[in-house]
All heavy atoms as atom14 arrays in JSON, in Angstrom:
{
  "sequence": "KNQSGDQGTRALVHNLCGGSFTDAAHSRYT",
  "atom14_mask": [
    [1, 1, 1, 1, 1, 1, 1, 1, 1, 0, 0, 0, 0, 0],
    [1, 1, 1, 1, 1, 1, 1, 1, 0, 0, 0, 0, 0, 0],
    [1, 1, 1, 1, 1, 1, 1, 1, 1, 0, 0, 0, 0, 0],
    [1, 1, 1, 1, 1, 1, 0, 0, 0, 0, 0, 0, 0, 0],
    [1, 1, 1, 1, 0, 0, 0, 0, 0, 0, 0, 0, 0, 0],
    [1, 1, 1, 1, 1, 1, 1, 1, 0, 0, 0, 0, 0, 0],
    [1, 1, 1, 1, 1, 1, 1, 1, 1, 0, 0, 0, 0, 0],
    [1, 1, 1, 1, 0, 0, 0, 0, 0, 0, 0, 0, 0, 0],
    [1, 1, 1, 1, 1, 1, 1, 0, 0, 0, 0, 0, 0, 0],
    [1, 1, 1, 1, 1, 1, 1, 1, 1, 1, 1, 0, 0, 0],
    [1, 1, 1, 1, 1, 0, 0, 0, 0, 0, 0, 0, 0, 0],
    [1, 1, 1, 1, 1, 1, 1, 1, 0, 0, 0, 0, 0, 0],
    [1, 1, 1, 1, 1, 1, 1, 0, 0, 0, 0, 0, 0, 0],
    [1, 1, 1, 1, 1, 1, 1, 1, 1, 1, 0, 0, 0, 0],
    [1, 1, 1, 1, 1, 1, 1, 1, 0, 0, 0, 0, 0, 0],
    [1, 1, 1, 1, 1, 1, 1, 1, 0, 0, 0, 0, 0, 0],
    [1, 1, 1, 1, 1, 1, 0, 0, 0, 0, 0, 0, 0, 0],
    [1, 1, 1, 1, 0, 0, 0, 0, 0, 0, 0, 0, 0, 0],
    [1, 1, 1, 1, 0, 0, 0, 0, 0, 0, 0, 0, 0, 0],
    [1, 1, 1, 1, 1, 1, 0, 0, 0, 0, 0, 0, 0, 0],
    [1, 1, 1, 1, 1, 1, 1, 1, 1, 1, 1, 0, 0, 0],
    [1, 1, 1, 1, 1, 1, 1, 0, 0, 0, 0, 0, 0, 0],
    [1, 1, 1, 1, 1, 1, 1, 1, 0, 0, 0, 0, 0, 0],
    [1, 1, 1, 1, 1, 0, 0, 0, 0, 0, 0, 0, 0, 0],
    [1, 1, 1, 1, 1, 0, 0, 0, 0, 0, 0, 0, 0, 0],
    [1, 1, 1, 1, 1, 1, 1, 1, 1, 1, 0, 0, 0, 0],
    [1, 1, 1, 1, 1, 1, 0, 0, 0, 0, 0, 0, 0, 0],
    [1, 1, 1, 1, 1, 1, 1, 1, 1, 1, 1, 0, 0, 0],
    [1, 1, 1, 1, 1, 1, 1, 1, 1, 1, 1, 1, 0, 0],
    [1, 1, 1, 1, 1, 1, 1, 0, 0, 0, 0, 0, 0, 0]
  ],
  "atom14_positions": [
    [[110.77, 90.2, 106.38], [110.79, 91.71, 106.09], [110.95, 92.46, 107.29], [111.52, 93.54, 107.41], [109.44, 92.01, 105.37], [109.44, 93.55, 105.0], [108.19, 93.94, 104.24], [108.18, 95.48, 103.95], [106.96, 95.83, 103.14], [0.0, 0.0, 0.0], [0.0, 0.0, 0.0], [0.0, 0.0, 0.0], [0.0, 0.0, 0.0], [0.0, 0.0, 0.0]],
    [[110.38, 91.84, 108.48], [110.57, 92.51, 109.8], [110.5, 91.47, 110.85], [110.36, 90.26, 110.48], [109.52, 93.68, 109.95], [108.05, 93.19, 109.72], [107.78, 92.04, 110.02], [107.2, 94.09, 109.21], [0.0, 0.0, 0.0], [0.0, 0.0, 0.0], [0.0, 0.0, 0.0], [0.0, 0.0, 0.0], [0.0, 0.0, 0.0], [0.0, 0.0, 0.0]],
    [[110.35, 91.82, 112.04], [110.33, 90.83, 113.13], [108.97, 90.27, 113.5], [108.87, 89.3, 114.28], [110.93, 91.45, 114.46], [110.08, 92.53, 115.04], [110.78, 93.19, 116.29], [111.93, 93.26, 116.25], [109.99, 93.7, 117.15], [0.0, 0.0, 0.0], [0.0, 0.0, 0.0], [0.0, 0.0, 0.0], [0.0, 0.0, 0.0], [0.0, 0.0, 0.0]],
    [[107.92, 90.77, 112.78], [106.59, 90.26, 113.1], [106.51, 88.69, 112.77], [106.87, 88.26, 111.75], [105.57, 90.98, 112.16], [104.24, 90.5, 112.29], [0.0, 0.0, 0.0], [0.0, 0.0, 0.0], [0.0, 0.0, 0.0], [0.0, 0.0, 0.0], [0.0, 0.0, 0.0], [0.0, 0.0, 0.0], [0.0, 0.0, 0.0], [0.0, 0.0, 0.0]],
    [[106.11, 87.91, 113.76], [105.92, 86.54, 113.58], [107.2, 85.76, 113.69], [107.32, 84.58, 113.15], [0.0, 0.0, 0.0], [0.0, 0.0, 0.0], [0.0, 0.0, 0.0], [0.0, 0.0, 0.0], [0.0, 0.0, 0.0], [0.0, 0.0, 0.0], [0.0, 0.0, 0.0], [0.0, 0.0, 0.0], [0.0, 0.0, 0.0], [0.0, 0.0, 0.0]],
    [[108.24, 86.4, 114.1], [109.59, 85.79, 114.08], [109.61, 84.48, 114.96], [110.59, 83.63, 114.8], [110.7, 86.71, 114.47], [110.47, 87.35, 115.81], [109.42, 87.21, 116.38], [111.36, 88.12, 116.32], [0.0, 0.0, 0.0], [0.0, 0.0, 0.0], [0.0, 0.0, 0.0], [0.0, 0.0, 0.0], [0.0, 0.0, 0.0], [0.0, 0.0, 0.0]],
    [[108.66, 84.31, 115.87], [108.75, 83.14, 116.65], [108.64, 81.83, 115.76], [109.08, 80.79, 116.1], [107.62, 83.13, 117.63], [106.21, 82.89, 117.19], [105.57, 84.09, 116.52], [106.14, 85.23, 116.73], [104.43, 84.01, 115.99], [0.0, 0.0, 0.0], [0.0, 0.0, 0.0], [0.0, 0.0, 0.0], [0.0, 0.0, 0.0], [0.0, 0.0, 0.0]],
    [[107.94, 82.02, 114.59], [107.71, 80.81, 113.72], [109.01, 80.4, 113.02], [109.3, 79.2, 113.01], [0.0, 0.0, 0.0], [0.0, 0.0, 0.0], [0.0, 0.0, 0.0], [0.0, 0.0, 0.0], [0.0, 0.0, 0.0], [0.0, 0.0, 0.0], [0.0, 0.0, 0.0], [0.0, 0.0, 0.0], [0.0, 0.0, 0.0], [0.0, 0.0, 0.0]],
    [[109.71, 81.47, 112.45], [110.99, 80.99, 111.83], [112.07, 80.47, 112.88], [112.81, 79.54, 112.48], [111.49, 82.18, 111.04], [111.7, 83.37, 111.87], [110.56, 82.61, 109.89], [0.0, 0.0, 0.0], [0.0, 0.0, 0.0], [0.0, 0.0, 0.0], [0.0, 0.0, 0.0], [0.0, 0.0, 0.0], [0.0, 0.0, 0.0], [0.0, 0.0, 0.0]],
    [[112.06, 81.11, 113.98], [113.0, 80.68, 114.99], [112.74, 79.15, 115.39], [113.61, 78.32, 115.46], [112.98, 81.48, 116.3], [113.56, 82.86, 116.11], [113.82, 83.49, 117.41], [112.67, 83.46, 118.33], [111.8, 84.41, 118.38], [111.88, 85.53, 117.68], [110.76, 84.35, 119.25], [0.0, 0.0, 0.0], [0.0, 0.0, 0.0], [0.0, 0.0, 0.0]],
    [[111.45, 78.81, 115.71], [111.05, 77.51, 116.02], [111.34, 76.54, 114.98], [111.69, 75.37, 115.23], [109.62, 77.55, 116.55], [0.0, 0.0, 0.0], [0.0, 0.0, 0.0], [0.0, 0.0, 0.0], [0.0, 0.0, 0.0], [0.0, 0.0, 0.0], [0.0, 0.0, 0.0], [0.0, 0.0, 0.0], [0.0, 0.0, 0.0], [0.0, 0.0, 0.0]],
    [[111.06, 76.9, 113.7], [111.33, 76.01, 112.6], [112.8, 75.61, 112.59], [113.19, 74.49, 112.48], [110.97, 76.69, 111.32], [111.26, 75.92, 110.01], [110.42, 74.62, 109.89], [110.97, 76.81, 108.77], [0.0, 0.0, 0.0], [0.0, 0.0, 0.0], [0.0, 0.0, 0.0], [0.0, 0.0, 0.0], [0.0, 0.0, 0.0], [0.0, 0.0, 0.0]],
    [[113.68, 76.64, 112.63], [115.16, 76.39, 112.56], [115.59, 75.52, 113.72], [116.38, 74.55, 113.52], [115.89, 77.73, 112.51], [117.36, 77.56, 112.65], [115.55, 78.39, 111.15], [0.0, 0.0, 0.0], [0.0, 0.0, 0.0], [0.0, 0.0, 0.0], [0.0, 0.0, 0.0], [0.0, 0.0, 0.0], [0.0, 0.0, 0.0], [0.0, 0.0, 0.0]],
    [[115.2, 75.89, 114.91], [115.75, 75.19, 116.11], [115.25, 73.76, 116.23], [116.0, 72.91, 116.75], [115.39, 76.04, 117.38], [115.8, 77.44, 117.33], [115.13, 78.48, 117.93], [116.89, 78.03, 116.75], [115.74, 79.64, 117.65], [116.81, 79.34, 117.02], [0.0, 0.0, 0.0], [0.0, 0.0, 0.0], [0.0, 0.0, 0.0], [0.0, 0.0, 0.0]],
    [[114.04, 73.51, 115.78], [113.54, 72.16, 115.92], [114.11, 71.18, 114.88], [114.27, 70.0, 115.09], [111.97, 72.16, 115.78], [111.29, 72.47, 117.18], [111.06, 71.57, 117.95], [110.94, 73.7, 117.32], [0.0, 0.0, 0.0], [0.0, 0.0, 0.0], [0.0, 0.0, 0.0], [0.0, 0.0, 0.0], [0.0, 0.0, 0.0], [0.0, 0.0, 0.0]],
    [[114.37, 71.69, 113.68], [114.83, 70.82, 112.58], [116.03, 69.94, 112.89], [115.98, 68.76, 112.58], [115.11, 71.72, 111.27], [113.87, 72.09, 110.52], [114.37, 73.09, 109.37], [113.17, 70.88, 109.85], [0.0, 0.0, 0.0], [0.0, 0.0, 0.0], [0.0, 0.0, 0.0], [0.0, 0.0, 0.0], [0.0, 0.0, 0.0], [0.0, 0.0, 0.0]],
    [[117.03, 70.58, 113.51], [118.19, 69.84, 113.72], [118.62, 69.82, 115.22], [119.78, 69.46, 115.6], [119.36, 70.38, 112.92], [119.08, 70.15, 111.18], [0.0, 0.0, 0.0], [0.0, 0.0, 0.0], [0.0, 0.0, 0.0], [0.0, 0.0, 0.0], [0.0, 0.0, 0.0], [0.0, 0.0, 0.0], [0.0, 0.0, 0.0], [0.0, 0.0, 0.0]],
    [[117.81, 70.3, 116.15], [118.06, 70.28, 117.6], [118.83, 71.36, 118.09], [119.59, 71.25, 119.17], [0.0, 0.0, 0.0], [0.0, 0.0, 0.0], [0.0, 0.0, 0.0], [0.0, 0.0, 0.0], [0.0, 0.0, 0.0], [0.0, 0.0, 0.0], [0.0, 0.0, 0.0], [0.0, 0.0, 0.0], [0.0, 0.0, 0.0], [0.0, 0.0, 0.0]],
    [[118.78, 72.49, 117.39], [119.53, 73.74, 117.89], [118.78, 74.44, 119.07], [117.81, 74.04, 119.57], [0.0, 0.0, 0.0], [0.0, 0.0, 0.0], [0.0, 0.0, 0.0], [0.0, 0.0, 0.0], [0.0, 0.0, 0.0], [0.0, 0.0, 0.0], [0.0, 0.0, 0.0], [0.0, 0.0, 0.0], [0.0, 0.0, 0.0], [0.0, 0.0, 0.0]],
    [[119.28, 75.62, 119.35], [118.6, 76.48, 120.39], [119.0, 77.92, 120.08], [119.93, 78.18, 119.36], [119.17, 76.15, 121.8], [120.55, 76.35, 121.98], [0.0, 0.0, 0.0], [0.0, 0.0, 0.0], [0.0, 0.0, 0.0], [0.0, 0.0, 0.0], [0.0, 0.0, 0.0], [0.0, 0.0, 0.0], [0.0, 0.0, 0.0], [0.0, 0.0, 0.0]],
    [[118.24, 78.82, 120.69], [118.44, 80.23, 120.33], [119.34, 80.89, 121.42], [120.09, 81.81, 121.19], [117.11, 80.95, 120.31], [117.16, 82.32, 119.6], [117.4, 82.41, 118.25], [117.03, 83.48, 120.35], [117.42, 83.59, 117.54], [117.09, 84.76, 119.68], [117.32, 84.8, 118.29], [0.0, 0.0, 0.0], [0.0, 0.0, 0.0], [0.0, 0.0, 0.0]],
    [[119.32, 80.36, 122.69], [120.14, 80.9, 123.73], [120.55, 79.69, 124.56], [120.14, 78.53, 124.39], [119.33, 81.78, 124.66], [118.43, 81.09, 125.5], [118.49, 82.88, 123.9], [0.0, 0.0, 0.0], [0.0, 0.0, 0.0], [0.0, 0.0, 0.0], [0.0, 0.0, 0.0], [0.0, 0.0, 0.0], [0.0, 0.0, 0.0], [0.0, 0.0, 0.0]],
    [[121.53, 79.99, 125.49], [121.94, 78.98, 126.4], [120.9, 78.74, 127.5], [119.88, 79.59, 127.53], [123.26, 79.3, 127.06], [123.24, 80.59, 127.85], [122.24, 81.31, 127.94], [124.37, 80.94, 128.36], [0.0, 0.0, 0.0], [0.0, 0.0, 0.0], [0.0, 0.0, 0.0], [0.0, 0.0, 0.0], [0.0, 0.0, 0.0], [0.0, 0.0, 0.0]],
    [[121.0, 77.75, 128.31], [119.96, 77.44, 129.32], [119.82, 78.52, 130.3], [118.74, 78.73, 130.92], [120.3, 76.06, 129.92], [0.0, 0.0, 0.0], [0.0, 0.0, 0.0], [0.0, 0.0, 0.0], [0.0, 0.0, 0.0], [0.0, 0.0, 0.0], [0.0, 0.0, 0.0], [0.0, 0.0, 0.0], [0.0, 0.0, 0.0], [0.0, 0.0, 0.0]],
    [[120.91, 79.27, 130.55], [120.88, 80.34, 131.61], [120.33, 81.64, 131.12], [120.12, 82.63, 131.76], [122.23, 80.54, 132.23], [0.0, 0.0, 0.0], [0.0, 0.0, 0.0], [0.0, 0.0, 0.0], [0.0, 0.0, 0.0], [0.0, 0.0, 0.0], [0.0, 0.0, 0.0], [0.0, 0.0, 0.0], [0.0, 0.0, 0.0], [0.0, 0.0, 0.0]],
    [[120.02, 81.69, 129.77], [119.5, 82.91, 129.09], [120.44, 84.06, 129.28], [120.15, 85.19, 129.5], [118.13, 83.35, 129.72], [117.09, 82.26, 129.55], [116.06, 82.11, 130.56], [116.9, 81.29, 128.69], [115.28, 81.14, 130.2], [115.8, 80.56, 129.13], [0.0, 0.0, 0.0], [0.0, 0.0, 0.0], [0.0, 0.0, 0.0], [0.0, 0.0, 0.0]],
    [[121.79, 83.65, 129.13], [122.82, 84.75, 129.24], [123.45, 85.15, 127.92], [123.99, 86.19, 127.84], [123.9, 84.23, 130.18], [124.58, 83.09, 129.6], [0.0, 0.0, 0.0], [0.0, 0.0, 0.0], [0.0, 0.0, 0.0], [0.0, 0.0, 0.0], [0.0, 0.0, 0.0], [0.0, 0.0, 0.0], [0.0, 0.0, 0.0], [0.0, 0.0, 0.0]],
    [[123.38, 84.3, 126.9], [123.88, 84.61, 125.59], [123.12, 83.81, 124.54], [122.42, 82.93, 124.73], [125.44, 84.28, 125.57], [125.72, 82.76, 125.59], [127.2, 82.52, 125.72], [127.91, 83.25, 124.7], [128.11, 82.7, 123.48], [127.66, 81.53, 123.14], [128.77, 83.3, 122.45], [0.0, 0.0, 0.0], [0.0, 0.0, 0.0], [0.0, 0.0, 0.0]],
    [[123.33, 84.26, 123.18], [122.68, 83.73, 122.11], [123.59, 82.71, 121.43], [124.75, 82.84, 121.22], [122.24, 84.82, 121.13], [121.24, 85.75, 121.7], [121.67, 86.91, 122.48], [119.93, 85.55, 121.73], [120.8, 87.72, 123.13], [119.0, 86.36, 122.38], [119.45, 87.45, 123.08], [118.62, 88.25, 123.71], [0.0, 0.0, 0.0], [0.0, 0.0, 0.0]],
    [[122.9, 81.51, 121.06], [123.71, 80.41, 120.58], [123.25, 79.92, 119.18], [123.26, 78.73, 118.82], [123.47, 79.2, 121.53], [122.08, 78.89, 121.69], [124.06, 79.52, 122.95], [0.0, 0.0, 0.0], [0.0, 0.0, 0.0], [0.0, 0.0, 0.0], [0.0, 0.0, 0.0], [0.0, 0.0, 0.0], [0.0, 0.0, 0.0], [0.0, 0.0, 0.0]]
  ]
}
C-alpha cells in the first residue's frame, strides 16, 4: 500500500533467485 516495511519485500525478491536492487557502485538500479 505504501513504502512502509519495503525492506522486507525487497529482500524477499532479491534473495529468492540471486538478484540485486542496485549495482555494486550504487550508481543505478538493477
